[in-house]
Protein backbone atom coordinates (compact mmCIF):
# COMPACT_ATOMS: atom_id res chain seq x y z
CA UNK A 1 -91.70 -26.88 -13.76
CA UNK A 2 -95.29 -25.05 -14.02
CA UNK A 3 -95.15 -21.36 -14.58
CA UNK A 4 -98.40 -19.28 -14.64
CA UNK A 5 -98.25 -15.61 -15.22
CA UNK A 6 -100.58 -13.43 -12.95
CA UNK A 7 -99.86 -9.82 -13.27
CA UNK A 8 -101.45 -7.61 -10.84
CA UNK A 9 -101.97 -10.25 -8.34
CA UNK A 10 -100.26 -10.76 -4.92
CA UNK A 11 -99.51 -14.23 -3.47
CA UNK A 12 -102.47 -13.81 -1.05
CA UNK A 13 -104.75 -13.49 -4.07
CA UNK A 14 -103.82 -17.23 -5.42
CA UNK A 15 -104.61 -20.50 -4.01
CA UNK A 16 -102.51 -23.48 -5.11
CA UNK A 17 -103.38 -27.09 -4.47
CA UNK A 18 -102.25 -30.62 -5.41
CA UNK A 19 -104.53 -33.51 -5.19
CA UNK A 20 -103.61 -36.88 -6.61
CA UNK A 21 -101.58 -36.04 -9.43
CA UNK A 22 -103.49 -32.93 -10.29
CA UNK A 23 -102.18 -29.29 -9.91
CA UNK A 24 -104.89 -26.46 -9.38
CA UNK A 25 -104.31 -22.90 -9.41
CA UNK A 26 -107.18 -20.46 -8.27
CA UNK A 27 -107.81 -17.09 -7.60
CA UNK A 28 -109.88 -13.95 -8.43
CA UNK A 29 -109.08 -10.52 -9.71
CA UNK A 30 -110.97 -7.25 -8.47
CA UNK A 31 -111.95 -4.99 -11.01
CA UNK A 32 -110.50 -1.58 -11.51
CA UNK A 33 -111.89 1.38 -13.45
CA UNK A 34 -110.59 4.68 -14.14
CA UNK A 35 -112.29 7.52 -15.97
CA UNK A 36 -110.57 11.03 -16.69
CA UNK A 37 -113.01 13.34 -18.52
CA UNK A 38 -111.74 16.48 -20.54
CA UNK A 39 -111.38 14.54 -24.25
CA UNK A 40 -112.00 11.36 -22.30
CA UNK A 41 -109.66 8.80 -20.67
CA UNK A 42 -110.76 5.46 -19.69
CA UNK A 43 -108.84 2.23 -18.20
CA UNK A 44 -110.77 -0.98 -17.51
CA UNK A 45 -109.49 -4.15 -16.16
CA UNK A 46 -110.52 -7.74 -16.11
CA UNK A 47 -111.98 -9.44 -12.89
CA UNK A 48 -113.65 -12.44 -11.69
CA UNK A 49 -112.49 -15.60 -10.31
CA UNK A 50 -110.09 -18.07 -12.48
CA UNK A 51 -109.14 -21.79 -12.05
CA UNK A 52 -106.49 -23.86 -13.91
CA UNK A 53 -105.89 -27.41 -13.66
CA UNK A 54 -102.80 -29.24 -14.83
CA UNK A 55 -102.28 -32.93 -14.82
CA UNK A 56 -98.84 -33.88 -13.55
CA UNK A 57 -96.78 -36.66 -14.94
CA UNK A 58 -96.92 -39.90 -12.79
CA UNK A 59 -93.03 -39.66 -11.69
CA UNK A 60 -93.71 -36.24 -9.89
CA UNK A 61 -93.69 -36.77 -6.17
CA UNK A 62 -96.55 -34.58 -5.09
CA UNK A 63 -95.41 -34.57 -1.58
CA UNK A 64 -92.31 -32.37 -2.62
CA UNK A 65 -94.33 -29.59 -4.73
CA UNK A 66 -93.27 -26.20 -3.76
CA UNK A 67 -94.91 -22.86 -5.00
CA UNK A 68 -93.08 -19.58 -5.38
CA UNK A 69 -94.85 -16.38 -6.19
CA UNK A 70 -92.62 -13.30 -7.42
CA UNK A 71 -93.33 -10.36 -9.49
CA UNK A 72 -96.40 -11.67 -10.87
CA UNK A 73 -95.31 -15.06 -11.87
CA UNK A 74 -96.04 -18.45 -10.04
CA UNK A 75 -93.87 -21.24 -10.24
């Protein structure tokens, strides 16, 4: 089981693919910024594309790979 934490993202923001024995998770985050003046208040969030690749063990049957996304966690 591979678990990837992706807080703030939805399933539509993430692409999961398996090729040969390699699992790839790709996606992107949009930036978000909040400014509240009067003694100042600022919130910034990260943004940009990301990609992670995991080599799967040879005994994994890649035709049976299943992805589930719930509460910001991809399994």
